[in-house]
Amino acid sequence: MRRAGELAAIQRIFLDPATANYTAKLCLGSAIGAAWTNGSPARTVGICEGFETAAAYTSLTGIQAWATMGAKRFHQVDIPTSVETVILLADNDPEGRRAQARALETYARPGLAIETEWPPGHMNDWAQLLKR
């Protein structure tokens, strides 16, 4: 995860060797304000919960998307002043809706347009579109 272009944290995902399901996600470093990014910020940046969703949204739309690595950090990314539009791409579930509402308040500043795009249909996130 990066903050202002510098490495700030690494998220480790622990897997159960028998099932390959994850058992825990833990960060090394300081994740507050940081995000998984796929390049320098563009004028428009999408904010997602997970990096799979961010990669899928970028692939589907061509718009750069960053991942907060969880709904709990959805409102904590440091948005550079060069960004003119933020698109909130929270998961379509109760926790994602709470995260989106909090982010709307937190990111509000003069000169920054904030939009929200929910995944189409009954999808939970944008990554599900690529799995169909």
C-alpha atoms as a PDB file:
ATOM      1  CA  MET A   1       0.000   0.000   0.000  1.00  0.00           C
ATOM      2  CA  ARG A   2       1.267   3.465  -0.868  1.00  0.00           C
ATOM      3  CA  ARG A   3       0.800   6.924   0.588  1.00  0.00           C
ATOM      4  CA  ALA A   4       1.994   9.906  -1.483  1.00  0.00           C
ATOM      5  CA  GLY A   5       3.760   7.488  -3.835  1.00  0.00           C
ATOM      6  CA  GLU A   6       5.832   5.866  -1.075  1.00  0.00           C
ATOM      7  CA  LEU A   7       5.452   2.343   0.281  1.00  0.00           C
ATOM      8  CA  ALA A   8       3.608   2.605   3.610  1.00  0.00           C
ATOM      9  CA  ALA A   9       2.260  -0.869   4.388  1.00  0.00           C
ATOM     10  CA  ILE A  10       1.961  -4.432   3.145  1.00  0.00           C
ATOM     11  CA  GLN A  11      -1.184  -6.482   3.626  1.00  0.00           C
ATOM     12  CA  ARG A  12      -0.496 -10.142   4.383  1.00  0.00           C
ATOM     13  CA  ILE A  13      -3.188 -12.720   3.689  1.00  0.00           C
ATOM     14  CA  PHE A  14      -2.925 -15.953   5.653  1.00  0.00           C
ATOM     15  CA  LEU A  15      -4.410 -19.080   4.070  1.00  0.00           C
ATOM     16  CA  ASP A  16      -5.617 -22.357   5.550  1.00  0.00           C
ATOM     17  CA  PRO A  17      -3.354 -24.994   3.955  1.00  0.00           C
ATOM     18  CA  ALA A  18      -6.177 -27.537   3.784  1.00  0.00           C
ATOM     19  CA  THR A  19      -8.875 -25.349   2.197  1.00  0.00           C
ATOM     20  CA  ALA A  20      -6.953 -22.373   0.740  1.00  0.00           C
ATOM     21  CA  ASN A  21      -9.520 -20.085   2.409  1.00  0.00           C
ATOM     22  CA  TYR A  22      -8.056 -17.031   4.075  1.00  0.00           C
ATOM     23  CA  THR A  23      -7.890 -17.099   7.836  1.00  0.00           C
ATOM     24  CA  ALA A  24      -6.603 -13.586   8.502  1.00  0.00           C
ATOM     25  CA  LYS A  25      -5.547 -10.360   6.822  1.00  0.00           C
ATOM     26  CA  LEU A  26      -2.922  -8.328   8.671  1.00  0.00           C
ATOM     27  CA  CYS A  27      -0.950  -5.238   7.722  1.00  0.00           C
ATOM     28  CA  LEU A  28       2.713  -4.511   8.293  1.00  0.00           C
ATOM     29  CA  GLY A  29       3.380  -0.796   8.461  1.00  0.00           C
ATOM     30  CA  SER A  30       0.959   2.110   8.696  1.00  0.00           C
ATOM     31  CA  ALA A  31      -2.100   1.603   6.488  1.00  0.00           C
ATOM     32  CA  ILE A  32      -3.900   4.800   7.591  1.00  0.00           C
ATOM     33  CA  GLY A  33      -4.119   7.084   4.554  1.00  0.00           C
ATOM     34  CA  ALA A  34      -2.540   4.485   2.264  1.00  0.00           C
ATOM     35  CA  ALA A  35      -4.051   2.544  -0.635  1.00  0.00           C
ATOM     36  CA  TRP A  36      -3.139  -0.144  -3.136  1.00  0.00           C
ATOM     37  CA  THR A  37      -2.531   1.972  -6.223  1.00  0.00           C
ATOM     38  CA  ASN A  38      -1.927   1.130  -9.848  1.00  0.00           C
ATOM     39  CA  GLY A  39       0.111   4.167 -10.808  1.00  0.00           C
ATOM     40  CA  SER A  40       0.364   7.872 -10.162  1.00  0.00           C
ATOM     41  CA  PRO A  41      -2.977   9.551  -9.510  1.00  0.00           C
ATOM     42  CA  ALA A  42      -5.047  10.607 -12.496  1.00  0.00           C
ATOM     43  CA  ARG A  43      -7.565  13.460 -12.405  1.00  0.00           C
ATOM     44  CA  THR A  44     -10.262  10.864 -11.705  1.00  0.00           C
ATOM     45  CA  VAL A  45      -9.670   8.035  -9.252  1.00  0.00           C
ATOM     46  CA  GLY A  46     -12.041   5.304  -8.127  1.00  0.00           C
ATOM     47  CA  ILE A  47     -11.874   4.104  -4.526  1.00  0.00           C
ATOM     48  CA  CYS A  48     -12.640   0.403  -3.890  1.00  0.00           C
ATOM     49  CA  GLU A  49     -12.469  -1.849  -0.869  1.00  0.00           C
ATOM     50  CA  GLY A  50     -10.293  -4.609  -2.368  1.00  0.00           C
ATOM     51  CA  PHE A  51      -7.525  -4.726  -4.954  1.00  0.00           C
ATOM     52  CA  GLU A  52      -9.396  -7.333  -7.028  1.00  0.00           C
ATOM     53  CA  THR A  53     -12.287  -4.882  -7.331  1.00  0.00           C
ATOM     54  CA  ALA A  54      -9.937  -2.002  -8.176  1.00  0.00           C
ATOM     55  CA  ALA A  55      -8.205  -4.027 -10.892  1.00  0.00           C
ATOM     56  CA  ALA A  56     -11.552  -5.193 -12.298  1.00  0.00           C
ATOM     57  CA  TYR A  57     -13.032  -1.666 -12.377  1.00  0.00           C
ATOM     58  CA  THR A  58      -9.936  -0.308 -14.137  1.00  0.00           C
ATOM     59  CA  SER A  59     -10.086  -3.173 -16.646  1.00  0.00           C
ATOM     60  CA  LEU A  60     -13.803  -2.625 -17.304  1.00  0.00           C
ATOM     61  CA  THR A  61     -13.790   1.184 -17.529  1.00  0.00           C
ATOM     62  CA  GLY A  62     -10.242   2.382 -18.105  1.00  0.00           C
ATOM     63  CA  ILE A  63     -10.560   4.583 -14.999  1.00  0.00           C
ATOM     64  CA  GLN A  64      -7.812   4.206 -12.438  1.00  0.00           C
ATOM     65  CA  ALA A  65      -9.041   2.692  -9.169  1.00  0.00           C
ATOM     66  CA  TRP A  66      -7.302   2.348  -5.822  1.00  0.00           C
ATOM     67  CA  ALA A  67      -8.059  -0.130  -3.029  1.00  0.00           C
ATOM     68  CA  THR A  68      -8.351   0.764   0.638  1.00  0.00           C
ATOM     69  CA  MET A  69      -7.935  -2.909   1.595  1.00  0.00           C
ATOM     70  CA  GLY A  70     -11.206  -3.029   3.505  1.00  0.00           C
ATOM     71  CA  ALA A  71     -14.396  -1.148   4.273  1.00  0.00           C
ATOM     72  CA  LYS A  72     -12.967   0.034   7.598  1.00  0.00           C
ATOM     73  CA  ARG A  73     -10.326   2.080   5.738  1.00  0.00           C
ATOM     74  CA  PHE A  74     -12.611   3.217   2.891  1.00  0.00           C
ATOM     75  CA  HIS A  75     -12.749   6.782   4.219  1.00  0.00           C
ATOM     76  CA  GLN A  76      -9.049   6.995   5.186  1.00  0.00           C
ATOM     77  CA  VAL A  77      -7.172   7.329   1.875  1.00  0.00           C
ATOM     78  CA  ASP A  78      -5.178  10.517   1.415  1.00  0.00           C
ATOM     79  CA  ILE A  79      -6.602  11.949  -1.828  1.00  0.00           C
ATOM     80  CA  PRO A  80      -3.973  14.090  -3.603  1.00  0.00           C
ATOM     81  CA  THR A  81      -4.966  17.667  -4.428  1.00  0.00           C
ATOM     82  CA  SER A  82      -4.350  16.901  -8.126  1.00  0.00           C
ATOM     83  CA  VAL A  83      -7.391  14.579  -8.119  1.00  0.00           C
ATOM     84  CA  GLU A  84     -10.523  16.392  -9.334  1.00  0.00           C
ATOM     85  CA  THR A  85     -13.068  13.542  -9.150  1.00  0.00           C
ATOM     86  CA  VAL A  86     -13.327  10.589  -6.778  1.00  0.00           C
ATOM     87  CA  ILE A  87     -15.678   7.746  -7.637  1.00  0.00           C
ATOM     88  CA  LEU A  88     -16.728   5.737  -4.589  1.00  0.00           C
ATOM     89  CA  LEU A  89     -16.958   2.056  -5.546  1.00  0.00           C
ATOM     90  CA  ALA A  90     -17.911   0.418  -2.258  1.00  0.00           C
ATOM     91  CA  ASP A  91     -19.202  -3.130  -2.087  1.00  0.00           C
ATOM     92  CA  ASN A  92     -22.965  -3.465  -2.461  1.00  0.00           C
ATOM     93  CA  ASP A  93     -23.627  -4.754   1.057  1.00  0.00           C
ATOM     94  CA  PRO A  94     -24.559  -3.116   4.388  1.00  0.00           C
ATOM     95  CA  GLU A  95     -20.926  -2.562   5.419  1.00  0.00           C
ATOM     96  CA  GLY A  96     -20.105  -1.104   1.998  1.00  0.00           C
ATOM     97  CA  ARG A  97     -23.066   1.279   2.163  1.00  0.00           C
ATOM     98  CA  ARG A  98     -21.945   2.520   5.590  1.00  0.00           C
ATOM     99  CA  ALA A  99     -18.398   2.944   4.272  1.00  0.00           C
ATOM    100  CA  GLN A 100     -19.661   4.907   1.247  1.00  0.00           C
ATOM    101  CA  ALA A 101     -21.705   7.270   3.442  1.00  0.00           C
ATOM    102  CA  ARG A 102     -18.758   7.942   5.739  1.00  0.00           C
ATOM    103  CA  ALA A 103     -16.407   8.505   2.789  1.00  0.00           C
ATOM    104  CA  LEU A 104     -18.814  11.047   1.252  1.00  0.00           C
ATOM    105  CA  GLU A 105     -18.444  13.180   4.382  1.00  0.00           C
ATOM    106  CA  THR A 106     -14.728  12.600   4.916  1.00  0.00           C
ATOM    107  CA  TYR A 107     -13.539  13.311   1.369  1.00  0.00           C
ATOM    108  CA  ALA A 108     -15.676  16.443   0.850  1.00  0.00           C
ATOM    109  CA  ARG A 109     -13.526  19.459   0.000  1.00  0.00           C
ATOM    110  CA  PRO A 110     -13.808  22.421  -2.360  1.00  0.00           C
ATOM    111  CA  GLY A 111     -12.907  21.516  -5.935  1.00  0.00           C
ATOM    112  CA  LEU A 112     -13.339  17.751  -5.492  1.00  0.00           C
ATOM    113  CA  ALA A 113     -16.328  16.116  -7.163  1.00  0.00           C
ATOM    114  CA  ILE A 114     -17.456  12.928  -5.432  1.00  0.00           C
ATOM    115  CA  GLU A 115     -19.554  10.368  -7.279  1.00  0.00           C
ATOM    116  CA  THR A 116     -20.770   6.891  -6.362  1.00  0.00           C
ATOM    117  CA  GLU A 117     -21.107   3.929  -8.713  1.00  0.00           C
ATOM    118  CA  TRP A 118     -22.645   0.722  -7.419  1.00  0.00           C
ATOM    119  CA  PRO A 119     -22.034  -2.571  -9.214  1.00  0.00           C
ATOM    120  CA  PRO A 120     -24.846  -3.375 -11.667  1.00  0.00           C
ATOM    121  CA  GLY A 121     -27.643  -5.801 -10.896  1.00  0.00           C
ATOM    122  CA  HIS A 122     -27.266  -7.867  -7.778  1.00  0.00           C
ATOM    123  CA  MET A 123     -23.464  -7.914  -7.924  1.00  0.00           C
ATOM    124  CA  ASN A 124     -21.613  -7.326  -4.662  1.00  0.00           C
ATOM    125  CA  ASP A 125     -18.568  -5.715  -6.307  1.00  0.00           C
ATOM    126  CA  TRP A 126     -17.087  -4.910  -9.708  1.00  0.00           C
ATOM    127  CA  ALA A 127     -14.834  -7.996  -9.668  1.00  0.00           C
ATOM    128  CA  GLN A 128     -17.927 -10.206  -9.928  1.00  0.00           C
ATOM    129  CA  LEU A 129     -18.550  -8.869 -13.454  1.00  0.00           C
ATOM    130  CA  LEU A 130     -15.292 -10.427 -14.616  1.00  0.00           C
ATOM    131  CA  LYS A 131     -16.117 -13.757 -12.983  1.00  0.00           C
ATOM    132  CA  ARG A 132     -19.319 -14.270 -14.990  1.00  0.00           C
END
